[in-house]
Amino acid sequence: WAMESDPEFENRKFYLIDGILYEDEMPARPHARLQVRISHFL
């Protein structure tokens, strides 16, 4: 939550598993299109 509100981490995507911090790359257009498509059906 603190990182999300820090401008230093703007446009970066993080997640945690067992206290270990991971960073995902920002999705590209094909990824985003699939995300919208699946969201639409659901």
All heavy atoms as atom14 arrays in JSON, in Angstrom:
{
  "sequence": "WAMESDPEFENRKFYLIDGILYEDEMPARPHARLQVRISHFL",
  "atom14_mask": [
    [1, 1, 1, 1, 1, 1, 1, 1, 1, 1, 1, 1, 1, 1],
    [1, 1, 1, 1, 1, 0, 0, 0, 0, 0, 0, 0, 0, 0],
    [1, 1, 1, 1, 1, 1, 1, 1, 0, 0, 0, 0, 0, 0],
    [1, 1, 1, 1, 1, 1, 1, 1, 1, 0, 0, 0, 0, 0],
    [1, 1, 1, 1, 1, 1, 0, 0, 0, 0, 0, 0, 0, 0],
    [1, 1, 1, 1, 1, 1, 1, 1, 0, 0, 0, 0, 0, 0],
    [1, 1, 1, 1, 1, 1, 1, 0, 0, 0, 0, 0, 0, 0],
    [1, 1, 1, 1, 1, 1, 1, 1, 1, 0, 0, 0, 0, 0],
    [1, 1, 1, 1, 1, 1, 1, 1, 1, 1, 1, 0, 0, 0],
    [1, 1, 1, 1, 1, 1, 1, 1, 1, 0, 0, 0, 0, 0],
    [1, 1, 1, 1, 1, 1, 1, 1, 0, 0, 0, 0, 0, 0],
    [1, 1, 1, 1, 1, 1, 1, 1, 1, 1, 1, 0, 0, 0],
    [1, 1, 1, 1, 1, 1, 1, 1, 1, 0, 0, 0, 0, 0],
    [1, 1, 1, 1, 1, 1, 1, 1, 1, 1, 1, 0, 0, 0],
    [1, 1, 1, 1, 1, 1, 1, 1, 1, 1, 1, 1, 0, 0],
    [1, 1, 1, 1, 1, 1, 1, 1, 0, 0, 0, 0, 0, 0],
    [1, 1, 1, 1, 1, 1, 1, 1, 0, 0, 0, 0, 0, 0],
    [1, 1, 1, 1, 1, 1, 1, 1, 0, 0, 0, 0, 0, 0],
    [1, 1, 1, 1, 0, 0, 0, 0, 0, 0, 0, 0, 0, 0],
    [1, 1, 1, 1, 1, 1, 1, 1, 0, 0, 0, 0, 0, 0],
    [1, 1, 1, 1, 1, 1, 1, 1, 0, 0, 0, 0, 0, 0],
    [1, 1, 1, 1, 1, 1, 1, 1, 1, 1, 1, 1, 0, 0],
    [1, 1, 1, 1, 1, 1, 1, 1, 1, 0, 0, 0, 0, 0],
    [1, 1, 1, 1, 1, 1, 1, 1, 0, 0, 0, 0, 0, 0],
    [1, 1, 1, 1, 1, 1, 1, 1, 1, 0, 0, 0, 0, 0],
    [1, 1, 1, 1, 1, 1, 1, 1, 0, 0, 0, 0, 0, 0],
    [1, 1, 1, 1, 1, 1, 1, 0, 0, 0, 0, 0, 0, 0],
    [1, 1, 1, 1, 1, 0, 0, 0, 0, 0, 0, 0, 0, 0],
    [1, 1, 1, 1, 1, 1, 1, 1, 1, 1, 1, 0, 0, 0],
    [1, 1, 1, 1, 1, 1, 1, 0, 0, 0, 0, 0, 0, 0],
    [1, 1, 1, 1, 1, 1, 1, 1, 1, 1, 0, 0, 0, 0],
    [1, 1, 1, 1, 1, 0, 0, 0, 0, 0, 0, 0, 0, 0],
    [1, 1, 1, 1, 1, 1, 1, 1, 1, 1, 1, 0, 0, 0],
    [1, 1, 1, 1, 1, 1, 1, 1, 0, 0, 0, 0, 0, 0],
    [1, 1, 1, 1, 1, 1, 1, 1, 1, 0, 0, 0, 0, 0],
    [1, 1, 1, 1, 1, 1, 1, 0, 0, 0, 0, 0, 0, 0],
    [1, 1, 1, 1, 1, 1, 1, 1, 1, 1, 1, 0, 0, 0],
    [1, 1, 1, 1, 1, 1, 1, 1, 0, 0, 0, 0, 0, 0],
    [1, 1, 1, 1, 1, 1, 0, 0, 0, 0, 0, 0, 0, 0],
    [1, 1, 1, 1, 1, 1, 1, 1, 1, 1, 0, 0, 0, 0],
    [1, 1, 1, 1, 1, 1, 1, 1, 1, 1, 1, 0, 0, 0],
    [1, 1, 1, 1, 1, 1, 1, 1, 0, 0, 0, 0, 0, 0]
  ],
  "atom14_positions": [
    [[0.83, -1.21, 0.0], [0.0, 0.0, 0.0], [0.86, 1.25, 0.0], [0.6, 2.21, -0.72], [-0.93, 0.03, 1.21], [-2.02, -0.99, 1.17], [-2.48, -1.69, 0.07], [-2.8, -1.44, 2.26], [-3.48, -2.54, 0.44], [-3.71, -2.41, 1.77], [-2.83, -1.12, 3.61], [-4.64, -3.04, 2.58], [-3.76, -1.76, 4.43], [-4.64, -2.71, 3.92]],
    [[1.91, 1.25, 0.8], [2.81, 2.4, 0.85], [3.51, 2.61, -0.5], [3.64, 3.76, -0.96], [3.85, 2.22, 1.96], [0.0, 0.0, 0.0], [0.0, 0.0, 0.0], [0.0, 0.0, 0.0], [0.0, 0.0, 0.0], [0.0, 0.0, 0.0], [0.0, 0.0, 0.0], [0.0, 0.0, 0.0], [0.0, 0.0, 0.0], [0.0, 0.0, 0.0]],
    [[3.91, 1.53, -1.13], [4.57, 1.64, -2.42], [3.61, 2.17, -3.5], [4.01, 2.95, -4.36], [5.15, 0.29, -2.84], [6.33, -0.14, -1.98], [6.83, -1.85, -2.25], [7.52, -1.75, -3.88], [0.0, 0.0, 0.0], [0.0, 0.0, 0.0], [0.0, 0.0, 0.0], [0.0, 0.0, 0.0], [0.0, 0.0, 0.0], [0.0, 0.0, 0.0]],
    [[2.35, 1.74, -3.43], [1.36, 2.19, -4.42], [1.17, 3.7, -4.38], [0.87, 4.31, -5.4], [0.01, 1.51, -4.17], [-0.02, 0.07, -4.58], [-1.32, -0.61, -4.21], [-2.21, 0.03, -3.58], [-1.46, -1.8, -4.52], [0.0, 0.0, 0.0], [0.0, 0.0, 0.0], [0.0, 0.0, 0.0], [0.0, 0.0, 0.0], [0.0, 0.0, 0.0]],
    [[1.3, 4.31, -3.22], [1.09, 5.76, -3.1], [2.38, 6.56, -3.24], [2.36, 7.78, -3.17], [0.4, 6.08, -1.77], [1.18, 5.61, -0.69], [0.0, 0.0, 0.0], [0.0, 0.0, 0.0], [0.0, 0.0, 0.0], [0.0, 0.0, 0.0], [0.0, 0.0, 0.0], [0.0, 0.0, 0.0], [0.0, 0.0, 0.0], [0.0, 0.0, 0.0]],
    [[3.49, 5.88, -3.47], [4.78, 6.55, -3.62], [5.04, 6.8, -5.12], [5.09, 5.85, -5.9], [5.89, 5.66, -3.03], [7.25, 6.32, -3.01], [7.5, 7.22, -3.84], [8.07, 5.9, -2.19], [0.0, 0.0, 0.0], [0.0, 0.0, 0.0], [0.0, 0.0, 0.0], [0.0, 0.0, 0.0], [0.0, 0.0, 0.0], [0.0, 0.0, 0.0]],
    [[5.22, 8.08, -5.52], [5.46, 8.38, -6.94], [6.67, 7.63, -7.53], [6.71, 7.38, -8.74], [5.72, 9.89, -6.95], [5.12, 10.4, -5.7], [5.17, 9.28, -4.71], [0.0, 0.0, 0.0], [0.0, 0.0, 0.0], [0.0, 0.0, 0.0], [0.0, 0.0, 0.0], [0.0, 0.0, 0.0], [0.0, 0.0, 0.0], [0.0, 0.0, 0.0]],
    [[7.61, 7.25, -6.71], [8.78, 6.51, -7.19], [8.38, 5.17, -7.84], [9.06, 4.67, -8.73], [9.74, 6.24, -6.02], [10.95, 5.42, -6.39], [11.81, 5.05, -5.2], [11.64, 5.61, -4.1], [12.68, 4.19, -5.38], [0.0, 0.0, 0.0], [0.0, 0.0, 0.0], [0.0, 0.0, 0.0], [0.0, 0.0, 0.0], [0.0, 0.0, 0.0]],
    [[7.25, 4.6, -7.39], [6.82, 3.29, -7.87], [5.63, 3.38, -8.83], [5.02, 2.37, -9.15], [6.48, 2.39, -6.7], [7.65, 2.14, -5.79], [7.71, 2.73, -4.53], [8.71, 1.33, -6.19], [8.79, 2.52, -3.7], [9.79, 1.12, -5.36], [9.84, 1.71, -4.11], [0.0, 0.0, 0.0], [0.0, 0.0, 0.0], [0.0, 0.0, 0.0]],
    [[5.34, 4.59, -9.32], [4.22, 4.77, -10.23], [4.43, 3.91, -11.48], [5.54, 3.77, -12.0], [4.12, 6.25, -10.62], [2.9, 6.55, -11.45], [2.77, 8.04, -11.72], [3.71, 8.81, -11.45], [1.71, 8.43, -12.21], [0.0, 0.0, 0.0], [0.0, 0.0, 0.0], [0.0, 0.0, 0.0], [0.0, 0.0, 0.0], [0.0, 0.0, 0.0]],
    [[3.33, 3.33, -11.95], [3.34, 2.47, -13.14], [4.2, 1.21, -12.98], [4.71, 0.67, -13.96], [3.8, 3.25, -14.38], [2.85, 4.36, -14.72], [1.64, 4.2, -14.6], [3.38, 5.49, -15.13], [0.0, 0.0, 0.0], [0.0, 0.0, 0.0], [0.0, 0.0, 0.0], [0.0, 0.0, 0.0], [0.0, 0.0, 0.0], [0.0, 0.0, 0.0]],
    [[4.35, 0.75, -11.75], [5.04, -0.52, -11.51], [4.06, -1.44, -10.79], [3.2, -1.0, -10.04], [6.3, -0.3, -10.68], [7.35, 0.49, -11.5], [8.56, 0.84, -10.73], [9.36, -0.34, -10.39], [10.42, -0.27, -9.59], [10.8, 0.87, -9.05], [11.11, -1.37, -9.33], [0.0, 0.0, 0.0], [0.0, 0.0, 0.0], [0.0, 0.0, 0.0]],
    [[4.19, -2.72, -11.03], [3.24, -3.72, -10.54], [3.97, -4.73, -9.67], [4.87, -5.41, -10.15], [2.59, -4.38, -11.75], [1.5, -5.35, -11.44], [0.91, -5.87, -12.76], [0.09, -7.1, -12.53], [-0.39, -7.69, -13.77], [0.0, 0.0, 0.0], [0.0, 0.0, 0.0], [0.0, 0.0, 0.0], [0.0, 0.0, 0.0], [0.0, 0.0, 0.0]],
    [[3.57, -4.81, -8.39], [4.23, -5.7, -7.43], [3.22, -6.69, -6.85], [2.03, -6.43, -6.79], [4.83, -4.89, -6.27], [5.89, -3.92, -6.69], [5.58, -2.58, -6.91], [7.2, -4.33, -6.86], [6.56, -1.68, -7.29], [8.19, -3.44, -7.25], [7.87, -2.1, -7.46], [0.0, 0.0, 0.0], [0.0, 0.0, 0.0], [0.0, 0.0, 0.0]],
    [[3.74, -7.81, -6.38], [2.94, -8.77, -5.63], [3.84, -9.45, -4.61], [5.07, -9.36, -4.69], [2.23, -9.77, -6.54], [3.13, -10.69, -7.33], [3.43, -11.97, -6.86], [3.66, -10.3, -8.56], [4.25, -12.81, -7.58], [4.48, -11.15, -9.29], [4.77, -12.4, -8.8], [5.58, -13.25, -9.52], [0.0, 0.0, 0.0], [0.0, 0.0, 0.0]],
    [[3.22, -10.14, -3.64], [3.95, -10.83, -2.57], [3.57, -12.3, -2.54], [2.4, -12.64, -2.68], [3.56, -10.27, -1.2], [3.87, -8.84, -0.84], [3.23, -8.51, 0.51], [5.35, -8.64, -0.77], [0.0, 0.0, 0.0], [0.0, 0.0, 0.0], [0.0, 0.0, 0.0], [0.0, 0.0, 0.0], [0.0, 0.0, 0.0], [0.0, 0.0, 0.0]],
    [[4.57, -13.13, -2.27], [4.31, -14.53, -1.92], [5.2, -14.84, -0.73], [6.42, -14.75, -0.83], [4.59, -15.49, -3.09], [3.65, -15.19, -4.27], [4.43, -16.95, -2.64], [3.9, -16.04, -5.51], [0.0, 0.0, 0.0], [0.0, 0.0, 0.0], [0.0, 0.0, 0.0], [0.0, 0.0, 0.0], [0.0, 0.0, 0.0], [0.0, 0.0, 0.0]],
    [[4.58, -15.15, 0.39], [5.29, -15.48, 1.64], [6.31, -14.4, 2.03], [7.43, -14.71, 2.44], [5.97, -16.84, 1.53], [4.97, -17.97, 1.33], [3.85, -17.87, 1.87], [5.3, -18.95, 0.64], [0.0, 0.0, 0.0], [0.0, 0.0, 0.0], [0.0, 0.0, 0.0], [0.0, 0.0, 0.0], [0.0, 0.0, 0.0], [0.0, 0.0, 0.0]],
    [[5.93, -13.14, 1.87], [6.78, -12.03, 2.29], [7.85, -11.63, 1.29], [8.59, -10.67, 1.51], [0.0, 0.0, 0.0], [0.0, 0.0, 0.0], [0.0, 0.0, 0.0], [0.0, 0.0, 0.0], [0.0, 0.0, 0.0], [0.0, 0.0, 0.0], [0.0, 0.0, 0.0], [0.0, 0.0, 0.0], [0.0, 0.0, 0.0], [0.0, 0.0, 0.0]],
    [[7.95, -12.35, 0.18], [8.93, -12.02, -0.85], [8.25, -11.11, -1.88], [7.17, -11.44, -2.39], [9.51, -13.28, -1.52], [10.24, -14.12, -0.46], [10.45, -12.9, -2.66], [10.7, -15.47, -0.96], [0.0, 0.0, 0.0], [0.0, 0.0, 0.0], [0.0, 0.0, 0.0], [0.0, 0.0, 0.0], [0.0, 0.0, 0.0], [0.0, 0.0, 0.0]],
    [[8.88, -10.0, -2.18], [8.34, -9.01, -3.11], [8.8, -9.35, -4.53], [9.98, -9.58, -4.78], [8.84, -7.62, -2.73], [8.36, -6.46, -3.58], [6.85, -6.25, -3.42], [9.12, -5.19, -3.21], [0.0, 0.0, 0.0], [0.0, 0.0, 0.0], [0.0, 0.0, 0.0], [0.0, 0.0, 0.0], [0.0, 0.0, 0.0], [0.0, 0.0, 0.0]],
    [[7.83, -9.38, -5.46], [8.09, -9.63, -6.87], [7.55, -8.47, -7.69], [6.58, -7.82, -7.28], [7.38, -10.92, -7.35], [7.86, -12.17, -6.68], [7.28, -12.61, -5.49], [8.87, -12.94, -7.24], [7.71, -13.78, -4.87], [9.3, -14.11, -6.62], [8.71, -14.52, -5.44], [9.13, -15.68, -4.84], [0.0, 0.0, 0.0], [0.0, 0.0, 0.0]],
    [[8.17, -8.24, -8.83], [7.69, -7.21, -9.73], [7.36, -7.84, -11.07], [8.16, -8.63, -11.6], [8.72, -6.1, -9.91], [8.23, -4.99, -10.82], [9.18, -3.8, -10.9], [10.27, -3.85, -10.3], [8.8, -2.82, -11.56], [0.0, 0.0, 0.0], [0.0, 0.0, 0.0], [0.0, 0.0, 0.0], [0.0, 0.0, 0.0], [0.0, 0.0, 0.0]],
    [[6.19, -7.5, -11.6], [5.79, -7.94, -12.94], [6.01, -6.79, -13.91], [5.88, -5.62, -13.53], [4.31, -8.31, -12.97], [4.05, -9.76, -12.63], [4.98, -10.57, -12.73], [2.9, -10.08, -12.27], [0.0, 0.0, 0.0], [0.0, 0.0, 0.0], [0.0, 0.0, 0.0], [0.0, 0.0, 0.0], [0.0, 0.0, 0.0], [0.0, 0.0, 0.0]],
    [[6.28, -7.13, -15.15], [6.38, -6.09, -16.15], [4.99, -5.57, -16.46], [3.99, -6.28, -16.28], [7.06, -6.62, -17.42], [6.23, -7.61, -18.21], [6.94, -8.1, -19.47], [8.12, -8.43, -19.39], [6.28, -8.16, -20.52], [0.0, 0.0, 0.0], [0.0, 0.0, 0.0], [0.0, 0.0, 0.0], [0.0, 0.0, 0.0], [0.0, 0.0, 0.0]],
    [[4.91, -4.32, -16.89], [3.62, -3.76, -17.28], [3.16, -4.48, -18.54], [3.97, -4.73, -19.45], [3.74, -2.26, -17.51], [4.01, -1.49, -16.22], [2.77, -1.76, -14.92], [1.39, -0.87, -15.58], [0.0, 0.0, 0.0], [0.0, 0.0, 0.0], [0.0, 0.0, 0.0], [0.0, 0.0, 0.0], [0.0, 0.0, 0.0], [0.0, 0.0, 0.0]],
    [[1.87, -4.81, -18.62], [1.4, -5.59, -19.75], [1.43, -4.8, -21.07], [1.21, -3.6, -21.09], [-0.03, -5.96, -19.37], [-0.41, -5.12, -18.23], [0.83, -4.58, -17.62], [0.0, 0.0, 0.0], [0.0, 0.0, 0.0], [0.0, 0.0, 0.0], [0.0, 0.0, 0.0], [0.0, 0.0, 0.0], [0.0, 0.0, 0.0], [0.0, 0.0, 0.0]],
    [[1.71, -5.52, -22.14], [1.68, -4.96, -23.48], [0.26, -5.09, -24.05], [-0.62, -5.69, -23.43], [2.69, -5.68, -24.36], [0.0, 0.0, 0.0], [0.0, 0.0, 0.0], [0.0, 0.0, 0.0], [0.0, 0.0, 0.0], [0.0, 0.0, 0.0], [0.0, 0.0, 0.0], [0.0, 0.0, 0.0], [0.0, 0.0, 0.0], [0.0, 0.0, 0.0]],
    [[0.07, -4.56, -25.23], [-1.25, -4.52, -25.85], [-1.91, -5.9, -25.97], [-3.08, -6.05, -25.6], [-1.15, -3.85, -27.21], [-2.47, -3.68, -27.9], [-2.31, -2.97, -29.25], [-3.55, -3.01, -29.98], [-3.96, -4.03, -30.72], [-3.2, -5.11, -30.82], [-5.11, -3.99, -31.35], [0.0, 0.0, 0.0], [0.0, 0.0, 0.0], [0.0, 0.0, 0.0]],
    [[-1.25, -6.95, -26.48], [-1.93, -8.25, -26.58], [-2.42, -8.76, -25.21], [-3.53, -9.29, -25.1], [-0.87, -9.18, -27.17], [0.08, -8.27, -27.89], [0.1, -7.01, -27.08], [0.0, 0.0, 0.0], [0.0, 0.0, 0.0], [0.0, 0.0, 0.0], [0.0, 0.0, 0.0], [0.0, 0.0, 0.0], [0.0, 0.0, 0.0], [0.0, 0.0, 0.0]],
    [[-1.61, -8.58, -24.2], [-1.98, -8.98, -22.84], [-3.23, -8.22, -22.4], [-4.19, -8.8, -21.89], [-0.8, -8.68, -21.91], [-0.99, -9.11, -20.5], [-1.81, -8.45, -19.6], [-0.47, -10.15, -19.8], [-1.76, -9.05, -18.44], [-0.96, -10.09, -18.53], [0.0, 0.0, 0.0], [0.0, 0.0, 0.0], [0.0, 0.0, 0.0], [0.0, 0.0, 0.0]],
    [[-3.22, -6.91, -22.63], [-4.37, -6.08, -22.23], [-5.63, -6.48, -22.99], [-6.73, -6.49, -22.42], [-4.04, -4.61, -22.45], [0.0, 0.0, 0.0], [0.0, 0.0, 0.0], [0.0, 0.0, 0.0], [0.0, 0.0, 0.0], [0.0, 0.0, 0.0], [0.0, 0.0, 0.0], [0.0, 0.0, 0.0], [0.0, 0.0, 0.0], [0.0, 0.0, 0.0]],
    [[-5.49, -6.8, -24.27], [-6.66, -7.22, -25.07], [-7.25, -8.52, -24.53], [-8.46, -8.66, -24.42], [-6.26, -7.4, -26.53], [-5.76, -6.16, -27.21], [-6.83, -5.33, -27.86], [-7.49, -6.08, -28.91], [-8.78, -5.95, -29.19], [-9.53, -5.11, -28.51], [-9.34, -6.65, -30.14], [0.0, 0.0, 0.0], [0.0, 0.0, 0.0], [0.0, 0.0, 0.0]],
    [[-6.38, -9.47, -24.18], [-6.87, -10.72, -23.6], [-7.54, -10.48, -22.25], [-8.56, -11.1, -21.94], [-5.72, -11.73, -23.46], [-5.23, -12.34, -24.76], [-3.95, -13.13, -24.53], [-6.3, -13.22, -25.4], [0.0, 0.0, 0.0], [0.0, 0.0, 0.0], [0.0, 0.0, 0.0], [0.0, 0.0, 0.0], [0.0, 0.0, 0.0], [0.0, 0.0, 0.0]],
    [[-6.98, -9.59, -21.47], [-7.54, -9.27, -20.16], [-8.96, -8.71, -20.31], [-9.87, -9.12, -19.59], [-6.62, -8.25, -19.47], [-6.91, -8.02, -18.03], [-5.8, -7.19, -17.39], [-4.77, -6.89, -17.98], [-6.01, -6.81, -16.16], [0.0, 0.0, 0.0], [0.0, 0.0, 0.0], [0.0, 0.0, 0.0], [0.0, 0.0, 0.0], [0.0, 0.0, 0.0]],
    [[-9.13, -7.79, -21.25], [-10.46, -7.22, -21.49], [-11.41, -8.29, -22.01], [-12.58, -8.37, -21.6], [-10.37, -6.04, -22.48], [-11.75, -5.61, -22.96], [-9.66, -4.86, -21.82], [0.0, 0.0, 0.0], [0.0, 0.0, 0.0], [0.0, 0.0, 0.0], [0.0, 0.0, 0.0], [0.0, 0.0, 0.0], [0.0, 0.0, 0.0], [0.0, 0.0, 0.0]],
    [[-10.92, -9.14, -22.89], [-11.76, -10.18, -23.5], [-12.28, -11.16, -22.43], [-13.48, -11.46, -22.39], [-10.92, -10.93, -24.54], [-11.67, -11.97, -25.31], [-12.4, -11.36, -26.45], [-12.89, -12.41, -27.35], [-13.85, -12.22, -28.2], [-14.4, -11.03, -28.32], [-14.25, -13.2, -28.98], [0.0, 0.0, 0.0], [0.0, 0.0, 0.0], [0.0, 0.0, 0.0]],
    [[-11.4, -11.63, -21.59], [-11.81, -12.57, -20.55], [-12.74, -11.88, -19.55], [-13.76, -12.44, -19.14], [-10.58, -13.18, -19.85], [-9.82, -14.06, -20.86], [-10.98, -13.98, -18.61], [-8.42, -14.4, -20.45], [0.0, 0.0, 0.0], [0.0, 0.0, 0.0], [0.0, 0.0, 0.0], [0.0, 0.0, 0.0], [0.0, 0.0, 0.0], [0.0, 0.0, 0.0]],
    [[-12.42, -10.65, -19.19], [-13.28, -9.88, -18.29], [-14.68, -9.74, -18.88], [-15.69, -9.85, -18.17], [-12.7, -8.49, -18.03], [-11.48, -8.57, -17.36], [0.0, 0.0, 0.0], [0.0, 0.0, 0.0], [0.0, 0.0, 0.0], [0.0, 0.0, 0.0], [0.0, 0.0, 0.0], [0.0, 0.0, 0.0], [0.0, 0.0, 0.0], [0.0, 0.0, 0.0]],
    [[-14.74, -9.5, -20.18], [-16.02, -9.35, -20.87], [-16.88, -10.6, -20.72], [-18.06, -10.52, -20.34], [-15.77, -9.05, -22.36], [-16.96, -9.21, -23.23], [-17.99, -8.28, -23.28], [-17.32, -10.22, -24.07], [-18.91, -8.7, -24.12], [-18.53, -9.88, -24.62], [0.0, 0.0, 0.0], [0.0, 0.0, 0.0], [0.0, 0.0, 0.0], [0.0, 0.0, 0.0]],
    [[-16.3, -11.76, -21.0], [-17.08, -13.0, -20.9], [-17.51, -13.27, -19.46], [-18.64, -13.71, -19.22], [-16.28, -14.19, -21.45], [-16.15, -14.18, -22.94], [-14.91, -14.08, -23.54], [-17.27, -14.28, -23.75], [-14.77, -14.08, -24.91], [-17.15, -14.27, -25.15], [-15.9, -14.17, -25.72], [0.0, 0.0, 0.0], [0.0, 0.0, 0.0], [0.0, 0.0, 0.0]],
    [[-16.64, -13.02, -18.51], [-17.0, -13.23, -17.11], [-18.03, -12.19, -16.65], [-18.92, -12.51, -15.85], [-15.76, -13.2, -16.22], [-14.86, -14.42, -16.34], [-13.55, -14.2, -15.58], [-15.55, -15.67, -15.82], [0.0, 0.0, 0.0], [0.0, 0.0, 0.0], [0.0, 0.0, 0.0], [0.0, 0.0, 0.0], [0.0, 0.0, 0.0], [0.0, 0.0, 0.0]]
  ]
}
